[in-house]
């Protein structure tokens, strides 16, 4: 068992070193193509652009390590953004609206978890259905139109600064630190790895598999809800098509970071680097005038290539 853990840890470290190497090479290439890439303002922009993806990736990492998938994150983010926008335009205070948004996310995560664990349904199917349910509900709120005139104070989440650092970056860093500690130093993290490695063995060892999987699903949806509010704040508008690419981008980042889709393996640092790598690619292509549709194609190809490479290694 210890040998297996050591092998998984070593493979994770090698994967992260490889990601750092790829990031360094890409930065050199994009800088040669366009010197503005390496400018301090653009580097901060890359970190800011990656913040939302990293926040969602934290939740997805825990779910995926435990052996499940959550494809509903984009829908959860979208519905939360629309609900919070609607509440704010009807006079609800910002703190209350944010709390309701987080509660909505927790309930959707609990819904995913219950159907997956209690009814033994495939998480991919359950969360795909939840994604459509959430997206449809988001459009029904206003008949598919955007919500404008949000309170200016709400824009702090997506546009504000804390000691000169973008607020969303500060939130992201705090969450990453907490998740890193939880995954490596607490039972919540260790149980996620154990459950993902072999749920039956974990159950025999006395681990409440259902309880912890519910916790991971709820946390994942909370991350998606918070990300949805940040995006809505950044746009200063409630958009019924918000976060349309969130699911694809985040899953790609997490898998790229070394988290096994079959569970039992993954790291917070890897997911962060995976998200940064995708953001660097997107940013570098954008400043060099490459169409955004090509960026979506490249993201899809990276995901496919990563999965194939991991299967060959395994």
C-alpha atoms as a PDB file:
ATOM      1  CA  UNK A   1       0.000   0.000   0.000  1.00  0.00           C
ATOM      2  CA  UNK A   2       2.797   2.412   0.929  1.00  0.00           C
ATOM      3  CA  UNK A   3       4.629   1.539  -2.296  1.00  0.00           C
ATOM      4  CA  UNK A   4       1.480   2.316  -4.287  1.00  0.00           C
ATOM      5  CA  UNK A   5       1.044   5.665  -2.522  1.00  0.00           C
ATOM      6  CA  UNK A   6       4.694   6.522  -3.163  1.00  0.00           C
ATOM      7  CA  UNK A   7       4.335   5.618  -6.842  1.00  0.00           C
ATOM      8  CA  UNK A   8       1.201   7.781  -7.216  1.00  0.00           C
ATOM      9  CA  UNK A   9       2.901  10.691  -5.428  1.00  0.00           C
ATOM     10  CA  UNK A  10       6.020  10.373  -7.600  1.00  0.00           C
ATOM     11  CA  UNK A  11       3.919  10.272 -10.760  1.00  0.00           C
ATOM     12  CA  UNK A  12       2.064  13.389  -9.618  1.00  0.00           C
ATOM     13  CA  UNK A  13       5.312  15.270  -8.997  1.00  0.00           C
ATOM     14  CA  UNK A  14       6.663  14.265 -12.409  1.00  0.00           C
ATOM     15  CA  UNK A  15       3.410  15.404 -14.019  1.00  0.00           C
ATOM     16  CA  UNK A  16       3.675  18.802 -12.312  1.00  0.00           C
ATOM     17  CA  UNK A  17       7.309  19.200 -13.391  1.00  0.00           C
ATOM     18  CA  UNK A  18       6.234  18.397 -16.936  1.00  0.00           C
ATOM     19  CA  UNK A  19       3.446  20.988 -16.757  1.00  0.00           C
ATOM     20  CA  UNK A  20       5.877  23.630 -15.517  1.00  0.00           C
ATOM     21  CA  UNK A  21       8.149  22.816 -18.439  1.00  0.00           C
ATOM     22  CA  UNK A  22       5.302  23.149 -20.945  1.00  0.00           C
ATOM     23  CA  UNK A  23       4.212  26.444 -19.358  1.00  0.00           C
ATOM     24  CA  UNK A  24       7.770  27.801 -19.599  1.00  0.00           C
ATOM     25  CA  UNK A  25       8.102  26.784 -23.261  1.00  0.00           C
ATOM     26  CA  UNK A  26       4.726  28.308 -24.161  1.00  0.00           C
ATOM     27  CA  UNK A  27       5.620  31.561 -22.409  1.00  0.00           C
ATOM     28  CA  UNK A  28       8.839  31.774 -24.431  1.00  0.00           C
ATOM     29  CA  UNK A  29       7.018  31.032 -27.704  1.00  0.00           C
ATOM     30  CA  UNK A  30       4.220  33.544 -27.100  1.00  0.00           C
ATOM     31  CA  UNK A  31       6.726  36.196 -26.007  1.00  0.00           C
ATOM     32  CA  UNK A  32       8.694  35.707 -29.224  1.00  0.00           C
ATOM     33  CA  UNK A  33       5.483  36.031 -31.245  1.00  0.00           C
ATOM     34  CA  UNK A  34       4.277  39.088 -29.341  1.00  0.00           C
ATOM     35  CA  UNK A  35       6.384  40.893 -26.741  1.00  0.00           C
ATOM     36  CA  UNK A  36       3.280  42.231 -24.958  1.00  0.00           C
ATOM     37  CA  UNK A  37       2.645  38.705 -23.655  1.00  0.00           C
ATOM     38  CA  UNK A  38       5.368  39.041 -21.021  1.00  0.00           C
ATOM     39  CA  UNK A  39       4.239  42.512 -19.896  1.00  0.00           C
ATOM     40  CA  UNK A  40       3.331  42.728 -16.204  1.00  0.00           C
ATOM     41  CA  UNK A  41      -0.205  43.853 -17.026  1.00  0.00           C
ATOM     42  CA  UNK A  42      -0.791  40.823 -19.254  1.00  0.00           C
ATOM     43  CA  UNK A  43       0.704  38.397 -16.734  1.00  0.00           C
ATOM     44  CA  UNK A  44      -1.671  39.748 -14.094  1.00  0.00           C
ATOM     45  CA  UNK A  45      -4.459  39.429 -16.635  1.00  0.00           C
ATOM     46  CA  UNK A  46      -3.592  35.742 -17.080  1.00  0.00           C
ATOM     47  CA  UNK A  47      -3.796  35.160 -13.334  1.00  0.00           C
ATOM     48  CA  UNK A  48      -7.095  37.053 -13.179  1.00  0.00           C
ATOM     49  CA  UNK A  49      -8.512  35.108 -16.131  1.00  0.00           C
ATOM     50  CA  UNK A  50      -7.534  31.795 -14.553  1.00  0.00           C
ATOM     51  CA  UNK A  51      -8.979  32.609 -11.109  1.00  0.00           C
ATOM     52  CA  UNK A  52     -12.547  31.505 -11.834  1.00  0.00           C
ATOM     53  CA  UNK A  53     -11.431  28.289 -13.532  1.00  0.00           C
ATOM     54  CA  UNK A  54      -9.145  27.463 -10.611  1.00  0.00           C
ATOM     55  CA  UNK A  55     -11.931  28.089  -8.090  1.00  0.00           C
ATOM     56  CA  UNK A  56     -14.223  25.638  -9.897  1.00  0.00           C
ATOM     57  CA  UNK A  57     -11.336  23.209 -10.436  1.00  0.00           C
ATOM     58  CA  UNK A  58     -10.925  22.898  -6.666  1.00  0.00           C
ATOM     59  CA  UNK A  59     -14.381  21.388  -6.331  1.00  0.00           C
ATOM     60  CA  UNK A  60     -14.043  19.246  -9.444  1.00  0.00           C
ATOM     61  CA  UNK A  61     -10.722  17.873  -8.167  1.00  0.00           C
ATOM     62  CA  UNK A  62     -12.294  16.488  -4.989  1.00  0.00           C
ATOM     63  CA  UNK A  63     -15.228  14.954  -6.865  1.00  0.00           C
ATOM     64  CA  UNK A  64     -12.988  13.389  -9.508  1.00  0.00           C
ATOM     65  CA  UNK A  65     -10.468  12.062  -6.973  1.00  0.00           C
ATOM     66  CA  UNK A  66     -13.363  10.303  -5.228  1.00  0.00           C
ATOM     67  CA  UNK A  67     -14.152   8.503  -8.485  1.00  0.00           C
ATOM     68  CA  UNK A  68     -17.079  10.612  -9.719  1.00  0.00           C
ATOM     69  CA  UNK A  69     -17.696  13.305 -12.336  1.00  0.00           C
ATOM     70  CA  UNK A  70     -19.560  16.605 -12.124  1.00  0.00           C
ATOM     71  CA  UNK A  71     -20.632  17.978 -15.493  1.00  0.00           C
ATOM     72  CA  UNK A  72     -23.194  20.373 -14.002  1.00  0.00           C
ATOM     73  CA  UNK A  73     -20.741  23.085 -12.936  1.00  0.00           C
ATOM     74  CA  UNK A  74     -21.460  25.417 -15.865  1.00  0.00           C
ATOM     75  CA  UNK A  75     -25.207  25.145 -15.359  1.00  0.00           C
ATOM     76  CA  UNK A  76     -24.882  25.691 -11.609  1.00  0.00           C
ATOM     77  CA  UNK A  77     -22.760  28.806 -12.194  1.00  0.00           C
ATOM     78  CA  UNK A  78     -25.226  30.143 -14.758  1.00  0.00           C
ATOM     79  CA  UNK A  79     -28.339  29.553 -12.635  1.00  0.00           C
ATOM     80  CA  UNK A  80     -26.683  31.061  -9.559  1.00  0.00           C
ATOM     81  CA  UNK A  81     -25.682  34.147 -11.525  1.00  0.00           C
ATOM     82  CA  UNK A  82     -29.219  34.641 -12.817  1.00  0.00           C
ATOM     83  CA  UNK A  83     -30.900  34.025  -9.451  1.00  0.00           C
ATOM     84  CA  UNK A  84     -28.550  36.402  -7.630  1.00  0.00           C
ATOM     85  CA  UNK A  85     -29.011  39.033 -10.365  1.00  0.00           C
ATOM     86  CA  UNK A  86     -32.786  38.756 -10.091  1.00  0.00           C
ATOM     87  CA  UNK A  87     -32.658  39.055  -6.313  1.00  0.00           C
ATOM     88  CA  UNK A  88     -30.399  42.107  -6.447  1.00  0.00           C
ATOM     89  CA  UNK A  89     -32.663  43.925  -8.916  1.00  0.00           C
ATOM     90  CA  UNK A  90     -35.681  43.308  -6.671  1.00  0.00           C
ATOM     91  CA  UNK A  91     -34.060  44.985  -3.671  1.00  0.00           C
ATOM     92  CA  UNK A  92     -32.499  42.051  -1.812  1.00  0.00           C
ATOM     93  CA  UNK A  93     -29.270  43.055  -0.061  1.00  0.00           C
ATOM     94  CA  UNK A  94     -25.964  41.863  -1.518  1.00  0.00           C
ATOM     95  CA  UNK A  95     -24.954  39.637   1.464  1.00  0.00           C
ATOM     96  CA  UNK A  96     -28.369  37.936   1.509  1.00  0.00           C
ATOM     97  CA  UNK A  97     -28.342  37.434  -2.271  1.00  0.00           C
ATOM     98  CA  UNK A  98     -24.856  35.891  -2.097  1.00  0.00           C
ATOM     99  CA  UNK A  99     -25.912  33.560   0.727  1.00  0.00           C
ATOM    100  CA  UNK A 100     -28.978  32.472  -1.254  1.00  0.00           C
ATOM    101  CA  UNK A 101     -26.756  31.858  -4.275  1.00  0.00           C
ATOM    102  CA  UNK A 102     -24.418  29.662  -2.241  1.00  0.00           C
ATOM    103  CA  UNK A 103     -27.388  27.829  -0.707  1.00  0.00           C
ATOM    104  CA  UNK A 104     -28.726  27.162  -4.202  1.00  0.00           C
ATOM    105  CA  UNK A 105     -25.357  25.724  -5.190  1.00  0.00           C
ATOM    106  CA  UNK A 106     -25.242  23.524  -2.092  1.00  0.00           C
ATOM    107  CA  UNK A 107     -28.739  22.178  -2.819  1.00  0.00           C
ATOM    108  CA  UNK A 108     -27.847  21.374  -6.423  1.00  0.00           C
ATOM    109  CA  UNK A 109     -24.700  19.600  -5.239  1.00  0.00           C
ATOM    110  CA  UNK A 110     -26.725  17.671  -2.672  1.00  0.00           C
ATOM    111  CA  UNK A 111     -29.191  16.739  -5.425  1.00  0.00           C
ATOM    112  CA  UNK A 112     -26.327  15.388  -7.545  1.00  0.00           C
ATOM    113  CA  UNK A 113     -24.864  13.522  -4.601  1.00  0.00           C
ATOM    114  CA  UNK A 114     -28.112  11.911  -3.479  1.00  0.00           C
ATOM    115  CA  UNK A 115     -29.010  10.653  -6.950  1.00  0.00           C
ATOM    116  CA  UNK A 116     -25.475   9.333  -7.428  1.00  0.00           C
ATOM    117  CA  UNK A 117     -25.001   7.658  -4.042  1.00  0.00           C
ATOM    118  CA  UNK A 118     -28.461   6.784  -2.724  1.00  0.00           C
ATOM    119  CA  UNK A 119     -29.933   5.716  -6.072  1.00  0.00           C
ATOM    120  CA  UNK A 120     -26.632   4.387  -7.439  1.00  0.00           C
ATOM    121  CA  UNK A 121     -26.951   6.325 -10.704  1.00  0.00           C
ATOM    122  CA  UNK A 122     -23.928   7.224 -12.869  1.00  0.00           C
ATOM    123  CA  UNK A 123     -22.665  10.651 -11.834  1.00  0.00           C
ATOM    124  CA  UNK A 124     -21.977  11.586 -15.449  1.00  0.00           C
ATOM    125  CA  UNK A 125     -25.653  11.115 -16.385  1.00  0.00           C
ATOM    126  CA  UNK A 126     -26.985  12.724 -13.200  1.00  0.00           C
ATOM    127  CA  UNK A 127     -24.835  15.839 -13.446  1.00  0.00           C
ATOM    128  CA  UNK A 128     -25.453  16.163 -17.179  1.00  0.00           C
ATOM    129  CA  UNK A 129     -29.181  16.221 -16.415  1.00  0.00           C
ATOM    130  CA  UNK A 130     -28.606  18.772 -13.643  1.00  0.00           C
ATOM    131  CA  UNK A 131     -26.654  20.941 -16.072  1.00  0.00           C
ATOM    132  CA  UNK A 132     -29.607  21.020 -18.478  1.00  0.00           C
ATOM    133  CA  UNK A 133     -32.035  21.568 -15.597  1.00  0.00           C
ATOM    134  CA  UNK A 134     -30.000  24.513 -14.321  1.00  0.00           C
ATOM    135  CA  UNK A 135     -29.451  26.069 -17.751  1.00  0.00           C
ATOM    136  CA  UNK A 136     -33.134  25.749 -18.612  1.00  0.00           C
ATOM    137  CA  UNK A 137     -34.164  27.269 -15.288  1.00  0.00           C
ATOM    138  CA  UNK A 138     -31.726  30.151 -15.792  1.00  0.00           C
ATOM    139  CA  UNK A 139     -33.363  31.005 -19.121  1.00  0.00           C
ATOM    140  CA  UNK A 140     -36.879  30.685 -17.694  1.00  0.00           C
ATOM    141  CA  UNK A 141     -36.182  33.336 -15.042  1.00  0.00           C
ATOM    142  CA  UNK A 142     -36.247  36.137 -17.623  1.00  0.00           C
ATOM    143  CA  UNK A 143     -37.379  34.359 -20.764  1.00  0.00           C
ATOM    144  CA  UNK A 144     -33.814  34.174 -22.036  1.00  0.00           C
ATOM    145  CA  UNK A 145     -32.984  37.870 -21.693  1.00  0.00           C
ATOM    146  CA  UNK A 146     -30.156  39.392 -19.663  1.00  0.00           C
ATOM    147  CA  UNK A 147     -30.595  41.176 -16.320  1.00  0.00           C
ATOM    148  CA  UNK A 148     -29.095  44.662 -16.102  1.00  0.00           C
ATOM    149  CA  UNK A 149     -28.725  47.433 -13.494  1.00  0.00           C
ATOM    150  CA  UNK A 150     -27.034  45.369 -10.803  1.00  0.00           C
ATOM    151  CA  UNK A 151     -25.824  47.299  -7.730  1.00  0.00           C
ATOM    152  CA  UNK A 152     -22.373  48.775  -8.286  1.00  0.00           C
ATOM    153  CA  UNK A 153     -21.170  47.380  -4.935  1.00  0.00           C
ATOM    154  CA  UNK A 154     -21.759  43.848  -6.231  1.00  0.00           C
ATOM    155  CA  UNK A 155     -19.091  44.422  -8.883  1.00  0.00           C
ATOM    156  CA  UNK A 156     -16.445  44.135  -6.156  1.00  0.00           C
ATOM    157  CA  UNK A 157     -16.421  40.326  -6.499  1.00  0.00           C
ATOM    158  CA  UNK A 158     -15.317  40.399 -10.119  1.00  0.00           C
ATOM    159  CA  UNK A 159     -13.794  43.857 -10.526  1.00  0.00           C
ATOM    160  CA  UNK A 160     -12.651  44.974  -7.080  1.00  0.00           C
ATOM    161  CA  UNK A 161      -9.180  44.958  -5.551  1.00  0.00           C
ATOM    162  CA  UNK A 162      -7.799  43.967  -2.153  1.00  0.00           C
ATOM    163  CA  UNK A 163      -4.489  45.711  -1.384  1.00  0.00           C
ATOM    164  CA  UNK A 164      -3.975  46.242  -5.102  1.00  0.00           C
ATOM    165  CA  UNK A 165      -4.656  42.606  -6.016  1.00  0.00           C
ATOM    166  CA  UNK A 166      -7.836  41.617  -7.905  1.00  0.00           C
ATOM    167  CA  UNK A 167     -10.372  40.374  -5.356  1.00  0.00           C
ATOM    168  CA  UNK A 168     -11.113  37.211  -7.338  1.00  0.00           C
ATOM    169  CA  UNK A 169      -7.398  36.346  -7.290  1.00  0.00           C
ATOM    170  CA  UNK A 170      -7.305  36.787  -3.509  1.00  0.00           C
ATOM    171  CA  UNK A 171     -10.369  34.533  -3.119  1.00  0.00           C
ATOM    172  CA  UNK A 172      -8.762  31.967  -5.414  1.00  0.00           C
ATOM    173  CA  UNK A 173      -5.456  31.908  -3.535  1.00  0.00           C
ATOM    174  CA  UNK A 174      -7.209  31.494  -0.170  1.00  0.00           C
ATOM    175  CA  UNK A 175      -9.326  28.630  -1.525  1.00  0.00           C
ATOM    176  CA  UNK A 176      -6.310  26.905  -3.102  1.00  0.00           C
ATOM    177  CA  UNK A 177      -4.376  27.036   0.182  1.00  0.00           C
ATOM    178  CA  UNK A 178      -7.336  25.652   2.136  1.00  0.00           C
ATOM    179  CA  UNK A 179      -7.967  22.876  -0.396  1.00  0.00           C
ATOM    180  CA  UNK A 180      -4.281  21.955  -0.478  1.00  0.00           C
ATOM    181  CA  UNK A 181      -4.249  21.553   3.301  1.00  0.00           C
ATOM    182  CA  UNK A 182      -7.557  19.647   3.342  1.00  0.00           C
ATOM    183  CA  UNK A 183      -6.502  17.205   0.615  1.00  0.00           C
ATOM    184  CA  UNK A 184      -3.073  16.425   2.054  1.00  0.00           C
ATOM    185  CA  UNK A 185      -3.511  16.864   5.800  1.00  0.00           C
ATOM    186  CA  UNK A 186      -7.098  15.946   6.753  1.00  0.00           C
ATOM    187  CA  UNK A 187      -9.353  12.902   6.725  1.00  0.00           C
ATOM    188  CA  UNK A 188     -11.619  14.584   4.165  1.00  0.00           C
ATOM    189  CA  UNK A 189      -8.785  14.565   1.649  1.00  0.00           C
ATOM    190  CA  UNK A 190      -7.385  11.165   2.565  1.00  0.00           C
ATOM    191  CA  UNK A 191     -10.828   9.598   2.382  1.00  0.00           C
ATOM    192  CA  UNK A 192     -11.357  11.099  -1.087  1.00  0.00           C
ATOM    193  CA  UNK A 193      -8.204   9.331  -2.286  1.00  0.00           C
ATOM    194  CA  UNK A 194      -9.197   6.096  -0.542  1.00  0.00           C
ATOM    195  CA  UNK A 195     -12.751   6.128  -1.911  1.00  0.00           C
ATOM    196  CA  UNK A 196     -11.552   6.888  -5.417  1.00  0.00           C
ATOM    197  CA  UNK A 197      -8.897   4.189  -5.197  1.00  0.00           C
ATOM    198  CA  UNK A 198     -11.355   1.485  -4.153  1.00  0.00           C
ATOM    199  CA  UNK A 199     -14.754   2.401  -2.714  1.00  0.00           C
ATOM    200  CA  UNK A 200     -15.505  -1.149  -1.532  1.00  0.00           C
ATOM    201  CA  UNK A 201     -12.264  -1.408   0.415  1.00  0.00           C
ATOM    202  CA  UNK A 202     -12.866   2.071   1.855  1.00  0.00           C
ATOM    203  CA  UNK A 203     -16.311   0.974   3.007  1.00  0.00           C
ATOM    204  CA  UNK A 204     -14.884  -2.144   4.653  1.00  0.00           C
ATOM    205  CA  UNK A 205     -12.360   0.099   6.413  1.00  0.00           C
ATOM    206  CA  UNK A 206     -15.249   1.955   8.037  1.00  0.00           C
ATOM    207  CA  UNK A 207     -15.311   5.033   5.814  1.00  0.00           C
ATOM    208  CA  UNK A 208     -18.794   6.430   5.182  1.00  0.00           C
ATOM    209  CA  UNK A 209     -18.502   6.530   1.403  1.00  0.00           C
ATOM    210  CA  UNK A 210     -21.952   8.030   0.843  1.00  0.00           C
ATOM    211  CA  UNK A 211     -21.456  10.824   3.387  1.00  0.00           C
ATOM    212  CA  UNK A 212     -18.121  11.907   1.991  1.00  0.00           C
ATOM    213  CA  UNK A 213     -19.215  11.736  -1.638  1.00  0.00           C
ATOM    214  CA  UNK A 214     -22.182  13.948  -0.735  1.00  0.00           C
ATOM    215  CA  UNK A 215     -19.722  16.377   0.837  1.00  0.00           C
ATOM    216  CA  UNK A 216     -17.559  16.472  -2.300  1.00  0.00           C
ATOM    217  CA  UNK A 217     -20.547  17.079  -4.592  1.00  0.00           C
ATOM    218  CA  UNK A 218     -21.852  19.879  -2.363  1.00  0.00           C
ATOM    219  CA  UNK A 219     -18.420  21.520  -2.215  1.00  0.00           C
ATOM    220  CA  UNK A 220     -18.038  21.287  -5.988  1.00  0.00           C
ATOM    221  CA  UNK A 221     -21.368  23.020  -6.590  1.00  0.00           C
ATOM    222  CA  UNK A 222     -20.523  25.668  -3.984  1.00  0.00           C
ATOM    223  CA  UNK A 223     -17.345  26.442  -5.928  1.00  0.00           C
ATOM    224  CA  UNK A 224     -19.355  26.648  -9.160  1.00  0.00           C
ATOM    225  CA  UNK A 225     -21.931  28.944  -7.539  1.00  0.00           C
ATOM    226  CA  UNK A 226     -19.251  31.265  -6.213  1.00  0.00           C
ATOM    227  CA  UNK A 227     -17.596  31.302  -9.635  1.00  0.00           C
ATOM    228  CA  UNK A 228     -20.947  32.134 -11.232  1.00  0.00           C
ATOM    229  CA  UNK A 229     -21.337  35.133  -8.949  1.00  0.00           C
ATOM    230  CA  UNK A 230     -17.812  36.330  -9.736  1.00  0.00           C
ATOM    231  CA  UNK A 231     -18.464  36.082 -13.483  1.00  0.00           C
ATOM    232  CA  UNK A 232     -21.802  37.879 -13.114  1.00  0.00           C
ATOM    233  CA  UNK A 233     -20.114  40.584 -11.059  1.00  0.00           C
ATOM    234  CA  UNK A 234     -17.354  40.931 -13.652  1.00  0.00           C
ATOM    235  CA  UNK A 235     -19.915  41.384 -16.444  1.00  0.00           C
ATOM    236  CA  UNK A 236     -22.213  43.526 -14.251  1.00  0.00           C
ATOM    237  CA  UNK A 237     -25.030  41.628 -15.975  1.00  0.00           C
ATOM    238  CA  UNK A 238     -26.977  38.439 -15.374  1.00  0.00           C
ATOM    239  CA  UNK A 239     -26.458  36.353 -18.521  1.00  0.00           C
ATOM    240  CA  UNK A 240     -28.666  33.299 -19.274  1.00  0.00           C
ATOM    241  CA  UNK A 241     -25.806  31.737 -21.260  1.00  0.00           C
ATOM    242  CA  UNK A 242     -23.122  32.365 -18.638  1.00  0.00           C
ATOM    243  CA  UNK A 243     -20.248  29.885 -18.238  1.00  0.00           C
ATOM    244  CA  UNK A 244     -21.059  27.935 -21.395  1.00  0.00           C
ATOM    245  CA  UNK A 245     -17.464  26.656 -21.679  1.00  0.00           C
ATOM    246  CA  UNK A 246     -16.815  26.216 -17.952  1.00  0.00           C
ATOM    247  CA  UNK A 247     -17.394  22.465 -17.841  1.00  0.00           C
ATOM    248  CA  UNK A 248     -15.105  21.652 -20.756  1.00  0.00           C
ATOM    249  CA  UNK A 249     -12.318  24.005 -19.681  1.00  0.00           C
ATOM    250  CA  UNK A 250     -12.344  22.964 -16.027  1.00  0.00           C
ATOM    251  CA  UNK A 251     -12.424  19.230 -16.688  1.00  0.00           C
ATOM    252  CA  UNK A 252      -9.554  19.654 -19.140  1.00  0.00           C
ATOM    253  CA  UNK A 253      -7.552  21.611 -16.556  1.00  0.00           C
ATOM    254  CA  UNK A 254      -8.112  19.039 -13.805  1.00  0.00           C
ATOM    255  CA  UNK A 255      -7.290  16.046 -16.013  1.00  0.00           C
ATOM    256  CA  UNK A 256      -4.295  17.888 -17.442  1.00  0.00           C
ATOM    257  CA  UNK A 257      -3.171  18.497 -13.866  1.00  0.00           C
ATOM    258  CA  UNK A 258      -2.915  14.772 -13.199  1.00  0.00           C
ATOM    259  CA  UNK A 259      -6.249  13.893 -11.601  1.00  0.00           C
ATOM    260  CA  UNK A 260      -7.370  10.457 -12.761  1.00  0.00           C
ATOM    261  CA  UNK A 261     -10.906  10.304 -14.163  1.00  0.00           C
ATOM    262  CA  UNK A 262     -11.219   6.877 -12.556  1.00  0.00           C
ATOM    263  CA  UNK A 263     -10.416   8.373  -9.143  1.00  0.00           C
ATOM    264  CA  UNK A 264      -7.845   7.780  -6.423  1.00  0.00           C
ATOM    265  CA  UNK A 265      -5.231  10.133  -7.816  1.00  0.00           C
ATOM    266  CA  UNK A 266      -4.840  13.898  -8.120  1.00  0.00           C
ATOM    267  CA  UNK A 267      -3.519  17.064  -6.538  1.00  0.00           C
ATOM    268  CA  UNK A 268      -4.482  20.669  -5.955  1.00  0.00           C
ATOM    269  CA  UNK A 269      -1.194  21.975  -7.371  1.00  0.00           C
ATOM    270  CA  UNK A 270      -1.706  19.951 -10.542  1.00  0.00           C
ATOM    271  CA  UNK A 271      -5.199  21.349 -11.087  1.00  0.00           C
ATOM    272  CA  UNK A 272      -3.929  24.900 -10.571  1.00  0.00           C
ATOM    273  CA  UNK A 273      -1.150  24.385 -13.122  1.00  0.00           C
ATOM    274  CA  UNK A 274      -3.571  22.776 -15.562  1.00  0.00           C
ATOM    275  CA  UNK A 275      -5.851  25.808 -15.352  1.00  0.00           C
ATOM    276  CA  UNK A 276      -2.914  28.198 -15.739  1.00  0.00           C
ATOM    277  CA  UNK A 277      -1.682  26.284 -18.789  1.00  0.00           C
ATOM    278  CA  UNK A 278      -5.070  26.504 -20.515  1.00  0.00           C
ATOM    279  CA  UNK A 279      -5.344  30.204 -19.679  1.00  0.00           C
ATOM    280  CA  UNK A 280      -1.853  30.881 -21.028  1.00  0.00           C
ATOM    281  CA  UNK A 281      -2.762  29.109 -24.276  1.00  0.00           C
ATOM    282  CA  UNK A 282      -6.011  31.086 -24.566  1.00  0.00           C
ATOM    283  CA  UNK A 283      -4.337  34.393 -23.745  1.00  0.00           C
ATOM    284  CA  UNK A 284      -1.389  33.779 -26.042  1.00  0.00           C
ATOM    285  CA  UNK A 285      -3.624  32.859 -28.959  1.00  0.00           C
ATOM    286  CA  UNK A 286      -5.887  35.864 -28.336  1.00  0.00           C
ATOM    287  CA  UNK A 287      -3.105  38.464 -28.340  1.00  0.00           C
ATOM    288  CA  UNK A 288      -1.844  36.877 -31.552  1.00  0.00           C
ATOM    289  CA  UNK A 289      -5.241  37.253 -33.208  1.00  0.00           C
ATOM    290  CA  UNK A 290      -6.334  33.603 -33.271  1.00  0.00           C
ATOM    291  CA  UNK A 291     -10.116  33.093 -33.441  1.00  0.00           C
ATOM    292  CA  UNK A 292     -11.759  32.017 -30.153  1.00  0.00           C
ATOM    293  CA  UNK A 293     -13.392  29.048 -31.897  1.00  0.00           C
ATOM    294  CA  UNK A 294      -9.930  27.628 -32.523  1.00  0.00           C
ATOM    295  CA  UNK A 295      -9.245  27.961 -28.806  1.00  0.00           C
ATOM    296  CA  UNK A 296     -12.249  25.726 -28.050  1.00  0.00           C
ATOM    297  CA  UNK A 297     -11.013  23.144 -30.551  1.00  0.00           C
ATOM    298  CA  UNK A 298      -7.523  23.202 -29.044  1.00  0.00           C
ATOM    299  CA  UNK A 299      -8.967  22.744 -25.531  1.00  0.00           C
ATOM    300  CA  UNK A 300     -10.934  19.693 -26.693  1.00  0.00           C
ATOM    301  CA  UNK A 301      -7.894  18.196 -28.413  1.00  0.00           C
ATOM    302  CA  UNK A 302      -5.772  18.723 -25.285  1.00  0.00           C
ATOM    303  CA  UNK A 303      -8.347  16.843 -23.181  1.00  0.00           C
ATOM    304  CA  UNK A 304      -8.475  13.919 -25.622  1.00  0.00           C
ATOM    305  CA  UNK A 305      -4.683  13.760 -25.921  1.00  0.00           C
ATOM    306  CA  UNK A 306      -4.258  13.872 -22.129  1.00  0.00           C
ATOM    307  CA  UNK A 307      -6.710  11.020 -21.553  1.00  0.00           C
ATOM    308  CA  UNK A 308      -5.038   8.887 -24.241  1.00  0.00           C
ATOM    309  CA  UNK A 309      -1.583   9.593 -22.792  1.00  0.00           C
ATOM    310  CA  UNK A 310      -2.708   8.687 -19.263  1.00  0.00           C
ATOM    311  CA  UNK A 311      -4.249   5.412 -20.444  1.00  0.00           C
ATOM    312  CA  UNK A 312      -1.039   4.448 -22.208  1.00  0.00           C
ATOM    313  CA  UNK A 313       0.962   5.175 -19.043  1.00  0.00           C
ATOM    314  CA  UNK A 314      -1.452   3.149 -16.909  1.00  0.00           C
END
